[in-house]
Amino acid sequence: MELKLMMEKLGAPQTHLGLKNMIKEVDEDLDSKLSFREF
């Protein structure tokens, strides 16, 4: 949800699936959220 808001604020809103895929691509510990390291 926080990533969703961030992307909206950046002017590049994403679909729910798009957001999940964004997290999945860098989610090294598979906790479904972004740490600063993953960011």
PDB file of all heavy atoms in Angstrom:
ATOM      1  N   MET A   1       0.828  -1.213   0.000  1.00  0.00           N
ATOM      2  CA  MET A   1       0.000   0.000   0.000  1.00  0.00           C
ATOM      3  C   MET A   1       0.859   1.259   0.000  1.00  0.00           C
ATOM      4  O   MET A   1       0.537   2.246  -0.655  1.00  0.00           O
ATOM      5  CB  MET A   1      -0.955   0.011   1.208  1.00  0.00           C
ATOM      6  CG  MET A   1      -2.095  -0.975   1.083  1.00  0.00           C
ATOM      7  SD  MET A   1      -2.965  -0.919  -0.513  1.00  0.00           S
ATOM      8  CE  MET A   1      -3.791   0.663  -0.389  1.00  0.00           C
ATOM      9  N   GLU A   2       1.962   1.222   0.729  1.00  0.00           N
ATOM     10  CA  GLU A   2       2.862   2.368   0.773  1.00  0.00           C
ATOM     11  C   GLU A   2       3.543   2.567  -0.580  1.00  0.00           C
ATOM     12  O   GLU A   2       3.704   3.698  -1.045  1.00  0.00           O
ATOM     13  CB  GLU A   2       3.889   2.184   1.897  1.00  0.00           C
ATOM     14  CG  GLU A   2       3.233   2.263   3.283  1.00  0.00           C
ATOM     15  CD  GLU A   2       4.042   1.648   4.417  1.00  0.00           C
ATOM     16  OE1 GLU A   2       5.027   0.925   4.152  1.00  0.00           O
ATOM     17  OE2 GLU A   2       3.677   1.885   5.573  1.00  0.00           O
ATOM     18  N   LEU A   3       3.895   1.450  -1.239  1.00  0.00           N
ATOM     19  CA  LEU A   3       4.491   1.531  -2.581  1.00  0.00           C
ATOM     20  C   LEU A   3       3.466   2.075  -3.574  1.00  0.00           C
ATOM     21  O   LEU A   3       3.786   2.888  -4.437  1.00  0.00           O
ATOM     22  CB  LEU A   3       4.989   0.150  -3.019  1.00  0.00           C
ATOM     23  CG  LEU A   3       5.694   0.093  -4.381  1.00  0.00           C
ATOM     24  CD1 LEU A   3       6.967   0.946  -4.382  1.00  0.00           C
ATOM     25  CD2 LEU A   3       6.036  -1.350  -4.746  1.00  0.00           C
ATOM     26  N   LYS A   4       2.214   1.653  -3.394  1.00  0.00           N
ATOM     27  CA  LYS A   4       1.125   2.136  -4.256  1.00  0.00           C
ATOM     28  C   LYS A   4       1.033   3.662  -4.164  1.00  0.00           C
ATOM     29  O   LYS A   4       0.988   4.357  -5.168  1.00  0.00           O
ATOM     30  CB  LYS A   4      -0.194   1.482  -3.824  1.00  0.00           C
ATOM     31  CG  LYS A   4      -1.423   1.949  -4.573  1.00  0.00           C
ATOM     32  CD  LYS A   4      -2.668   1.265  -3.998  1.00  0.00           C
ATOM     33  CE  LYS A   4      -3.914   1.524  -4.787  1.00  0.00           C
ATOM     34  NZ  LYS A   4      -4.380   2.906  -4.749  1.00  0.00           N
ATOM     35  N   LEU A   5       1.021   4.172  -2.929  1.00  0.00           N
ATOM     36  CA  LEU A   5       0.962   5.622  -2.718  1.00  0.00           C
ATOM     37  C   LEU A   5       2.184   6.318  -3.297  1.00  0.00           C
ATOM     38  O   LEU A   5       2.070   7.376  -3.905  1.00  0.00           O
ATOM     39  CB  LEU A   5       0.855   5.936  -1.225  1.00  0.00           C
ATOM     40  CG  LEU A   5      -0.535   5.855  -0.620  1.00  0.00           C
ATOM     41  CD1 LEU A   5      -0.459   5.948   0.897  1.00  0.00           C
ATOM     42  CD2 LEU A   5      -1.428   6.969  -1.151  1.00  0.00           C
ATOM     43  N   MET A   6       3.369   5.711  -3.091  1.00  0.00           N
ATOM     44  CA  MET A   6       4.603   6.312  -3.602  1.00  0.00           C
ATOM     45  C   MET A   6       4.541   6.444  -5.119  1.00  0.00           C
ATOM     46  O   MET A   6       4.848   7.504  -5.670  1.00  0.00           O
ATOM     47  CB  MET A   6       5.818   5.464  -3.207  1.00  0.00           C
ATOM     48  CG  MET A   6       7.142   6.080  -3.660  1.00  0.00           C
ATOM     49  SD  MET A   6       8.579   5.005  -3.447  1.00  0.00           S
ATOM     50  CE  MET A   6       8.775   4.958  -1.697  1.00  0.00           C
ATOM     51  N   MET A   7       4.115   5.377  -5.792  1.00  0.00           N
ATOM     52  CA  MET A   7       4.060   5.389  -7.251  1.00  0.00           C
ATOM     53  C   MET A   7       3.019   6.395  -7.753  1.00  0.00           C
ATOM     54  O   MET A   7       3.221   7.050  -8.768  1.00  0.00           O
ATOM     55  CB  MET A   7       3.781   3.987  -7.805  1.00  0.00           C
ATOM     56  CG  MET A   7       4.899   2.988  -7.546  1.00  0.00           C
ATOM     57  SD  MET A   7       6.540   3.545  -8.081  1.00  0.00           S
ATOM     58  CE  MET A   7       6.354   3.464  -9.868  1.00  0.00           C
ATOM     59  N   GLU A   8       1.909   6.529  -7.027  1.00  0.00           N
ATOM     60  CA  GLU A   8       0.892   7.528  -7.399  1.00  0.00           C
ATOM     61  C   GLU A   8       1.469   8.934  -7.263  1.00  0.00           C
ATOM     62  O   GLU A   8       1.282   9.776  -8.122  1.00  0.00           O
ATOM     63  CB  GLU A   8      -0.362   7.368  -6.531  1.00  0.00           C
ATOM     64  CG  GLU A   8      -1.182   6.167  -6.931  1.00  0.00           C
ATOM     65  CD  GLU A   8      -2.281   5.813  -5.927  1.00  0.00           C
ATOM     66  OE1 GLU A   8      -2.445   6.530  -4.912  1.00  0.00           O
ATOM     67  OE2 GLU A   8      -2.978   4.798  -6.157  1.00  0.00           O
ATOM     68  N   LYS A   9       2.201   9.173  -6.157  1.00  0.00           N
ATOM     69  CA  LYS A   9       2.802  10.490  -5.931  1.00  0.00           C
ATOM     70  C   LYS A   9       3.846  10.804  -7.003  1.00  0.00           C
ATOM     71  O   LYS A   9       4.049  11.954  -7.349  1.00  0.00           O
ATOM     72  CB  LYS A   9       3.461  10.571  -4.550  1.00  0.00           C
ATOM     73  CG  LYS A   9       2.479  10.422  -3.418  1.00  0.00           C
ATOM     74  CD  LYS A   9       1.854  11.751  -3.027  1.00  0.00           C
ATOM     75  CE  LYS A   9       0.825  11.614  -1.968  1.00  0.00           C
ATOM     76  NZ  LYS A   9      -0.531  11.449  -2.411  1.00  0.00           N
ATOM     77  N   LEU A  10       4.522   9.772  -7.502  1.00  0.00           N
ATOM     78  CA  LEU A  10       5.535   9.973  -8.545  1.00  0.00           C
ATOM     79  C   LEU A  10       4.887  10.126  -9.924  1.00  0.00           C
ATOM     80  O   LEU A  10       5.563  10.372 -10.912  1.00  0.00           O
ATOM     81  CB  LEU A  10       6.531   8.801  -8.573  1.00  0.00           C
ATOM     82  CG  LEU A  10       7.512   8.737  -7.410  1.00  0.00           C
ATOM     83  CD1 LEU A  10       8.291   7.430  -7.440  1.00  0.00           C
ATOM     84  CD2 LEU A  10       8.471   9.913  -7.430  1.00  0.00           C
ATOM     85  N   GLY A  11       3.572   9.956  -9.977  1.00  0.00           N
ATOM     86  CA  GLY A  11       2.861  10.107 -11.242  1.00  0.00           C
ATOM     87  C   GLY A  11       2.940   8.878 -12.132  1.00  0.00           C
ATOM     88  O   GLY A  11       2.801   8.966 -13.343  1.00  0.00           O
ATOM     89  N   ALA A  12       3.199   7.710 -11.528  1.00  0.00           N
ATOM     90  CA  ALA A  12       3.260   6.464 -12.297  1.00  0.00           C
ATOM     91  C   ALA A  12       2.483   5.379 -11.574  1.00  0.00           C
ATOM     92  O   ALA A  12       3.050   4.385 -11.125  1.00  0.00           O
ATOM     93  CB  ALA A  12       4.720   6.039 -12.480  1.00  0.00           C
ATOM     94  N   PRO A  13       1.152   5.576 -11.427  1.00  0.00           N
ATOM     95  CA  PRO A  13       0.357   4.587 -10.686  1.00  0.00           C
ATOM     96  C   PRO A  13       0.464   3.194 -11.312  1.00  0.00           C
ATOM     97  O   PRO A  13       0.604   3.086 -12.526  1.00  0.00           O
ATOM     98  CB  PRO A  13      -1.069   5.130 -10.780  1.00  0.00           C
ATOM     99  CG  PRO A  13      -1.070   6.119 -11.878  1.00  0.00           C
ATOM    100  CD  PRO A  13       0.330   6.632 -12.014  1.00  0.00           C
ATOM    101  N   GLN A  14       0.434   2.197 -10.456  1.00  0.00           N
ATOM    102  CA  GLN A  14       0.581   0.800 -10.896  1.00  0.00           C
ATOM    103  C   GLN A  14      -0.656  -0.005 -10.507  1.00  0.00           C
ATOM    104  O   GLN A  14      -1.336   0.330  -9.554  1.00  0.00           O
ATOM    105  CB  GLN A  14       1.803   0.173 -10.210  1.00  0.00           C
ATOM    106  CG  GLN A  14       3.107   0.892 -10.446  1.00  0.00           C
ATOM    107  CD  GLN A  14       3.592   0.781 -11.872  1.00  0.00           C
ATOM    108  OE1 GLN A  14       3.620  -0.302 -12.447  1.00  0.00           O
ATOM    109  NE2 GLN A  14       3.955   1.903 -12.462  1.00  0.00           N
ATOM    110  N   THR A  15      -0.877  -1.079 -11.250  1.00  0.00           N
ATOM    111  CA  THR A  15      -1.949  -2.006 -10.877  1.00  0.00           C
ATOM    112  C   THR A  15      -1.489  -2.793  -9.648  1.00  0.00           C
ATOM    113  O   THR A  15      -0.291  -2.814  -9.334  1.00  0.00           O
ATOM    114  CB  THR A  15      -2.238  -3.011 -12.010  1.00  0.00           C
ATOM    115  OG1 THR A  15      -1.049  -3.809 -12.203  1.00  0.00           O
ATOM    116  CG2 THR A  15      -2.627  -2.316 -13.304  1.00  0.00           C
ATOM    117  N   HIS A  16      -2.425  -3.455  -9.007  1.00  0.00           N
ATOM    118  CA  HIS A  16      -2.100  -4.277  -7.837  1.00  0.00           C
ATOM    119  C   HIS A  16      -1.048  -5.327  -8.226  1.00  0.00           C
ATOM    120  O   HIS A  16      -0.054  -5.515  -7.526  1.00  0.00           O
ATOM    121  CB  HIS A  16      -3.376  -4.948  -7.314  1.00  0.00           C
ATOM    122  CG  HIS A  16      -3.184  -5.673  -6.026  1.00  0.00           C
ATOM    123  ND1 HIS A  16      -3.066  -5.013  -4.817  1.00  0.00           N
ATOM    124  CD2 HIS A  16      -3.063  -6.994  -5.759  1.00  0.00           C
ATOM    125  CE1 HIS A  16      -2.878  -5.910  -3.852  1.00  0.00           C
ATOM    126  NE2 HIS A  16      -2.885  -7.112  -4.393  1.00  0.00           N
ATOM    127  N   LEU A  17      -1.260  -5.967  -9.379  1.00  0.00           N
ATOM    128  CA  LEU A  17      -0.330  -6.991  -9.858  1.00  0.00           C
ATOM    129  C   LEU A  17       1.028  -6.369 -10.173  1.00  0.00           C
ATOM    130  O   LEU A  17       2.077  -6.938  -9.849  1.00  0.00           O
ATOM    131  CB  LEU A  17      -0.905  -7.676 -11.111  1.00  0.00           C
ATOM    132  CG  LEU A  17      -0.111  -8.875 -11.627  1.00  0.00           C
ATOM    133  CD1 LEU A  17      -0.111 -10.004 -10.605  1.00  0.00           C
ATOM    134  CD2 LEU A  17      -0.699  -9.375 -12.939  1.00  0.00           C
ATOM    135  N   GLY A  18       1.007  -5.176 -10.781  1.00  0.00           N
ATOM    136  CA  GLY A  18       2.247  -4.469 -11.106  1.00  0.00           C
ATOM    137  C   GLY A  18       3.058  -4.182  -9.853  1.00  0.00           C
ATOM    138  O   GLY A  18       4.284  -4.356  -9.826  1.00  0.00           O
ATOM    139  N   LEU A  19       2.372  -3.753  -8.794  1.00  0.00           N
ATOM    140  CA  LEU A  19       3.038  -3.450  -7.522  1.00  0.00           C
ATOM    141  C   LEU A  19       3.643  -4.711  -6.918  1.00  0.00           C
ATOM    142  O   LEU A  19       4.775  -4.710  -6.441  1.00  0.00           O
ATOM    143  CB  LEU A  19       2.044  -2.829  -6.533  1.00  0.00           C
ATOM    144  CG  LEU A  19       1.546  -1.422  -6.891  1.00  0.00           C
ATOM    145  CD1 LEU A  19       0.284  -1.093  -6.114  1.00  0.00           C
ATOM    146  CD2 LEU A  19       2.616  -0.373  -6.636  1.00  0.00           C
ATOM    147  N   LYS A  20       2.868  -5.814  -6.967  1.00  0.00           N
ATOM    148  CA  LYS A  20       3.367  -7.088  -6.434  1.00  0.00           C
ATOM    149  C   LYS A  20       4.624  -7.525  -7.177  1.00  0.00           C
ATOM    150  O   LYS A  20       5.586  -7.994  -6.569  1.00  0.00           O
ATOM    151  CB  LYS A  20       2.290  -8.175  -6.553  1.00  0.00           C
ATOM    152  CG  LYS A  20       1.234  -8.109  -5.479  1.00  0.00           C
ATOM    153  CD  LYS A  20       0.222  -9.204  -5.645  1.00  0.00           C
ATOM    154  CE  LYS A  20       0.088  -9.970  -4.351  1.00  0.00           C
ATOM    155  NZ  LYS A  20      -0.992 -10.927  -4.356  1.00  0.00           N
ATOM    156  N   ASN A  21       4.596  -7.354  -8.519  1.00  0.00           N
ATOM    157  CA  ASN A  21       5.750  -7.730  -9.328  1.00  0.00           C
ATOM    158  C   ASN A  21       6.961  -6.848  -9.032  1.00  0.00           C
ATOM    159  O   ASN A  21       8.096  -7.327  -9.038  1.00  0.00           O
ATOM    160  CB  ASN A  21       5.409  -7.678 -10.824  1.00  0.00           C
ATOM    161  CG  ASN A  21       4.495  -8.828 -11.221  1.00  0.00           C
ATOM    162  OD1 ASN A  21       4.460  -9.869 -10.569  1.00  0.00           O
ATOM    163  ND2 ASN A  21       3.735  -8.631 -12.291  1.00  0.00           N
ATOM    164  N   MET A  22       6.709  -5.568  -8.770  1.00  0.00           N
ATOM    165  CA  MET A  22       7.807  -4.652  -8.424  1.00  0.00           C
ATOM    166  C   MET A  22       8.507  -5.134  -7.160  1.00  0.00           C
ATOM    167  O   MET A  22       9.732  -5.200  -7.104  1.00  0.00           O
ATOM    168  CB  MET A  22       7.261  -3.226  -8.174  1.00  0.00           C
ATOM    169  CG  MET A  22       6.922  -2.464  -9.426  1.00  0.00           C
ATOM    170  SD  MET A  22       6.127  -0.876  -9.035  1.00  0.00           S
ATOM    171  CE  MET A  22       7.499   0.040  -8.305  1.00  0.00           C
ATOM    172  N   ILE A  23       7.701  -5.472  -6.159  1.00  0.00           N
ATOM    173  CA  ILE A  23       8.280  -5.934  -4.891  1.00  0.00           C
ATOM    174  C   ILE A  23       9.003  -7.266  -5.101  1.00  0.00           C
ATOM    175  O   ILE A  23      10.135  -7.448  -4.658  1.00  0.00           O
ATOM    176  CB  ILE A  23       7.198  -6.045  -3.787  1.00  0.00           C
ATOM    177  CG1 ILE A  23       6.727  -4.628  -3.397  1.00  0.00           C
ATOM    178  CG2 ILE A  23       7.730  -6.794  -2.567  1.00  0.00           C
ATOM    179  CD1 ILE A  23       5.564  -4.576  -2.424  1.00  0.00           C
ATOM    180  N   LYS A  24       8.342  -8.177  -5.838  1.00  0.00           N
ATOM    181  CA  LYS A  24       8.907  -9.510  -6.052  1.00  0.00           C
ATOM    182  C   LYS A  24      10.287  -9.450  -6.715  1.00  0.00           C
ATOM    183  O   LYS A  24      11.178 -10.231  -6.400  1.00  0.00           O
ATOM    184  CB  LYS A  24       7.952 -10.348  -6.914  1.00  0.00           C
ATOM    185  CG  LYS A  24       8.226 -11.838  -6.762  1.00  0.00           C
ATOM    186  CD  LYS A  24       7.358 -12.809  -7.520  1.00  0.00           C
ATOM    187  CE  LYS A  24       6.078 -12.358  -8.112  1.00  0.00           C
ATOM    188  NZ  LYS A  24       5.358 -13.410  -8.809  1.00  0.00           N
ATOM    189  N   GLU A  25      10.473  -8.465  -7.598  1.00  0.00           N
ATOM    190  CA  GLU A  25      11.721  -8.367  -8.360  1.00  0.00           C
ATOM    191  C   GLU A  25      12.942  -8.052  -7.488  1.00  0.00           C
ATOM    192  O   GLU A  25      14.057  -8.410  -7.830  1.00  0.00           O
ATOM    193  CB  GLU A  25      11.583  -7.298  -9.449  1.00  0.00           C
ATOM    194  CG  GLU A  25      12.569  -7.475 -10.568  1.00  0.00           C
ATOM    195  CD  GLU A  25      12.272  -6.601 -11.780  1.00  0.00           C
ATOM    196  OE1 GLU A  25      11.100  -6.247 -11.998  1.00  0.00           O
ATOM    197  OE2 GLU A  25      13.235  -6.268 -12.484  1.00  0.00           O
ATOM    198  N   VAL A  26      12.738  -7.381  -6.347  1.00  0.00           N
ATOM    199  CA  VAL A  26      13.879  -7.039  -5.489  1.00  0.00           C
ATOM    200  C   VAL A  26      13.734  -7.563  -4.054  1.00  0.00           C
ATOM    201  O   VAL A  26      14.567  -7.279  -3.202  1.00  0.00           O
ATOM    202  CB  VAL A  26      14.127  -5.507  -5.457  1.00  0.00           C
ATOM    203  CG1 VAL A  26      14.721  -5.033  -6.759  1.00  0.00           C
ATOM    204  CG2 VAL A  26      12.873  -4.739  -5.113  1.00  0.00           C
ATOM    205  N   ASP A  27      12.687  -8.335  -3.806  1.00  0.00           N
ATOM    206  CA  ASP A  27      12.404  -8.831  -2.459  1.00  0.00           C
ATOM    207  C   ASP A  27      13.277 -10.041  -2.135  1.00  0.00           C
ATOM    208  O   ASP A  27      12.866 -11.182  -2.286  1.00  0.00           O
ATOM    209  CB  ASP A  27      10.912  -9.196  -2.364  1.00  0.00           C
ATOM    210  CG  ASP A  27      10.487  -9.558  -0.953  1.00  0.00           C
ATOM    211  OD1 ASP A  27      11.241  -9.253  -0.014  1.00  0.00           O
ATOM    212  OD2 ASP A  27       9.404 -10.133  -0.808  1.00  0.00           O
ATOM    213  N   GLU A  28      14.482  -9.764  -1.650  1.00  0.00           N
ATOM    214  CA  GLU A  28      15.443 -10.841  -1.410  1.00  0.00           C
ATOM    215  C   GLU A  28      15.027 -11.764  -0.271  1.00  0.00           C
ATOM    216  O   GLU A  28      15.286 -12.953  -0.307  1.00  0.00           O
ATOM    217  CB  GLU A  28      16.823 -10.247  -1.094  1.00  0.00           C
ATOM    218  CG  GLU A  28      17.423  -9.519  -2.274  1.00  0.00           C
ATOM    219  CD  GLU A  28      18.772  -8.893  -1.947  1.00  0.00           C
ATOM    220  OE1 GLU A  28      18.929  -8.331  -0.840  1.00  0.00           O
ATOM    221  OE2 GLU A  28      19.663  -8.986  -2.791  1.00  0.00           O
ATOM    222  N   ASP A  29      14.396 -11.208   0.763  1.00  0.00           N
ATOM    223  CA  ASP A  29      14.031 -12.048   1.915  1.00  0.00           C
ATOM    224  C   ASP A  29      12.593 -12.579   1.831  1.00  0.00           C
ATOM    225  O   ASP A  29      12.090 -13.176   2.769  1.00  0.00           O
ATOM    226  CB  ASP A  29      14.254 -11.303   3.235  1.00  0.00           C
ATOM    227  CG  ASP A  29      13.497  -9.980   3.284  1.00  0.00           C
ATOM    228  OD1 ASP A  29      12.702  -9.700   2.354  1.00  0.00           O
ATOM    229  OD2 ASP A  29      13.704  -9.216   4.249  1.00  0.00           O
ATOM    230  N   LEU A  30      11.943 -12.318   0.698  1.00  0.00           N
ATOM    231  CA  LEU A  30      10.591 -12.826   0.423  1.00  0.00           C
ATOM    232  C   LEU A  30       9.571 -12.480   1.514  1.00  0.00           C
ATOM    233  O   LEU A  30       8.709 -13.288   1.842  1.00  0.00           O
ATOM    234  CB  LEU A  30      10.623 -14.349   0.197  1.00  0.00           C
ATOM    235  CG  LEU A  30      11.598 -14.844  -0.883  1.00  0.00           C
ATOM    236  CD1 LEU A  30      11.642 -16.351  -0.917  1.00  0.00           C
ATOM    237  CD2 LEU A  30      11.242 -14.281  -2.251  1.00  0.00           C
ATOM    238  N   ASP A  31       9.654 -11.257   2.053  1.00  0.00           N
ATOM    239  CA  ASP A  31       8.684 -10.853   3.074  1.00  0.00           C
ATOM    240  C   ASP A  31       7.590  -9.955   2.489  1.00  0.00           C
ATOM    241  O   ASP A  31       6.785  -9.386   3.211  1.00  0.00           O
ATOM    242  CB  ASP A  31       9.383 -10.162   4.253  1.00  0.00           C
ATOM    243  CG  ASP A  31      10.067  -8.860   3.834  1.00  0.00           C
ATOM    244  OD1 ASP A  31      10.112  -8.550   2.630  1.00  0.00           O
ATOM    245  OD2 ASP A  31      10.564  -8.155   4.739  1.00  0.00           O
ATOM    246  N   SER A  32       7.584  -9.814   1.166  1.00  0.00           N
ATOM    247  CA  SER A  32       6.571  -9.030   0.441  1.00  0.00           C
ATOM    248  C   SER A  32       6.551  -7.543   0.787  1.00  0.00           C
ATOM    249  O   SER A  32       5.522  -6.895   0.692  1.00  0.00           O
ATOM    250  CB  SER A  32       5.173  -9.618   0.639  1.00  0.00           C
ATOM    251  OG  SER A  32       5.159 -10.939   0.167  1.00  0.00           O
ATOM    252  N   LYS A  33       7.708  -7.024   1.204  1.00  0.00           N
ATOM    253  CA  LYS A  33       7.843  -5.577   1.402  1.00  0.00           C
ATOM    254  C   LYS A  33       9.286  -5.183   1.126  1.00  0.00           C
ATOM    255  O   LYS A  33      10.165  -6.038   1.074  1.00  0.00           O
ATOM    256  CB  LYS A  33       7.377  -5.150   2.786  1.00  0.00           C
ATOM    257  CG  LYS A  33       7.916  -5.941   3.942  1.00  0.00           C
ATOM    258  CD  LYS A  33       7.189  -5.579   5.226  1.00  0.00           C
ATOM    259  CE  LYS A  33       7.671  -6.477   6.354  1.00  0.00           C
ATOM    260  NZ  LYS A  33       7.046  -6.192   7.609  1.00  0.00           N
ATOM    261  N   LEU A  34       9.506  -3.882   0.946  1.00  0.00           N
ATOM    262  CA  LEU A  34      10.842  -3.411   0.609  1.00  0.00           C
ATOM    263  C   LEU A  34      11.563  -2.846   1.822  1.00  0.00           C
ATOM    264  O   LEU A  34      11.061  -1.933   2.470  1.00  0.00           O
ATOM    265  CB  LEU A  34      10.763  -2.300  -0.454  1.00  0.00           C
ATOM    266  CG  LEU A  34      10.179  -2.671  -1.810  1.00  0.00           C
ATOM    267  CD1 LEU A  34      10.147  -1.456  -2.720  1.00  0.00           C
ATOM    268  CD2 LEU A  34      10.976  -3.788  -2.455  1.00  0.00           C
ATOM    269  N   SER A  35      12.749  -3.397   2.085  1.00  0.00           N
ATOM    270  CA  SER A  35      13.614  -2.803   3.099  1.00  0.00           C
ATOM    271  C   SER A  35      14.428  -1.737   2.383  1.00  0.00           C
ATOM    272  O   SER A  35      14.422  -1.654   1.149  1.00  0.00           O
ATOM    273  CB  SER A  35      14.552  -3.864   3.671  1.00  0.00           C
ATOM    274  OG  SER A  35      15.441  -4.310   2.654  1.00  0.00           O
ATOM    275  N   PHE A  36      15.161  -0.934   3.110  1.00  0.00           N
ATOM    276  CA  PHE A  36      15.985   0.082   2.479  1.00  0.00           C
ATOM    277  C   PHE A  36      17.019  -0.578   1.574  1.00  0.00           C
ATOM    278  O   PHE A  36      17.295  -0.116   0.475  1.00  0.00           O
ATOM    279  CB  PHE A  36      16.662   0.966   3.537  1.00  0.00           C
ATOM    280  CG  PHE A  36      17.588   1.991   2.940  1.00  0.00           C
ATOM    281  CD1 PHE A  36      17.098   2.953   2.061  1.00  0.00           C
ATOM    282  CD2 PHE A  36      18.930   1.989   3.226  1.00  0.00           C
ATOM    283  CE1 PHE A  36      17.936   3.886   1.479  1.00  0.00           C
ATOM    284  CE2 PHE A  36      19.776   2.918   2.665  1.00  0.00           C
ATOM    285  CZ  PHE A  36      19.276   3.872   1.787  1.00  0.00           C
ATOM    286  N   ARG A  37      17.572  -1.698   2.023  1.00  0.00           N
ATOM    287  CA  ARG A  37      18.563  -2.440   1.224  1.00  0.00           C
ATOM    288  C   ARG A  37      17.958  -2.884  -0.116  1.00  0.00           C
ATOM    289  O   ARG A  37      18.574  -2.753  -1.166  1.00  0.00           O
ATOM    290  CB  ARG A  37      19.014  -3.653   2.045  1.00  0.00           C
ATOM    291  CG  ARG A  37      20.219  -4.359   1.539  1.00  0.00           C
ATOM    292  CD  ARG A  37      20.559  -5.527   2.463  1.00  0.00           C
ATOM    293  NE  ARG A  37      20.645  -6.788   1.759  1.00  0.00           N
ATOM    294  CZ  ARG A  37      21.466  -7.033   0.760  1.00  0.00           C
ATOM    295  NH1 ARG A  37      22.263  -6.099   0.328  1.00  0.00           N
ATOM    296  NH2 ARG A  37      21.486  -8.202   0.164  1.00  0.00           N
ATOM    297  N   GLU A  38      16.732  -3.396  -0.065  1.00  0.00           N
ATOM    298  CA  GLU A  38      16.055  -3.838  -1.290  1.00  0.00           C
ATOM    299  C   GLU A  38      15.702  -2.637  -2.164  1.00  0.00           C
ATOM    300  O   GLU A  38      15.741  -2.710  -3.390  1.00  0.00           O
ATOM    301  CB  GLU A  38      14.813  -4.656  -0.934  1.00  0.00           C
ATOM    302  CG  GLU A  38      15.163  -5.997  -0.301  1.00  0.00           C
ATOM    303  CD  GLU A  38      13.999  -6.665   0.427  1.00  0.00           C
ATOM    304  OE1 GLU A  38      13.016  -5.984   0.774  1.00  0.00           O
ATOM    305  OE2 GLU A  38      14.095  -7.883   0.667  1.00  0.00           O
ATOM    306  N   PHE A  39      15.366  -1.521  -1.507  1.00  0.00           N
ATOM    307  CA  PHE A  39      15.070  -0.286  -2.224  1.00  0.00           C
ATOM    308  C   PHE A  39      16.315   0.144  -3.017  1.00  0.00           C
ATOM    309  O   PHE A  39      16.219   0.541  -4.177  1.00  0.00           O
ATOM    310  CB  PHE A  39      14.667   0.779  -1.201  1.00  0.00           C
ATOM    311  CG  PHE A  39      14.270   2.107  -1.796  1.00  0.00           C
ATOM    312  CD1 PHE A  39      13.051   2.275  -2.425  1.00  0.00           C
ATOM    313  CD2 PHE A  39      15.118   3.204  -1.704  1.00  0.00           C
ATOM    314  CE1 PHE A  39      12.672   3.508  -2.949  1.00  0.00           C
ATOM    315  CE2 PHE A  39      14.753   4.438  -2.217  1.00  0.00           C
ATOM    316  CZ  PHE A  39      13.530   4.584  -2.845  1.00  0.00           C
TER     317      PHE A  39
END
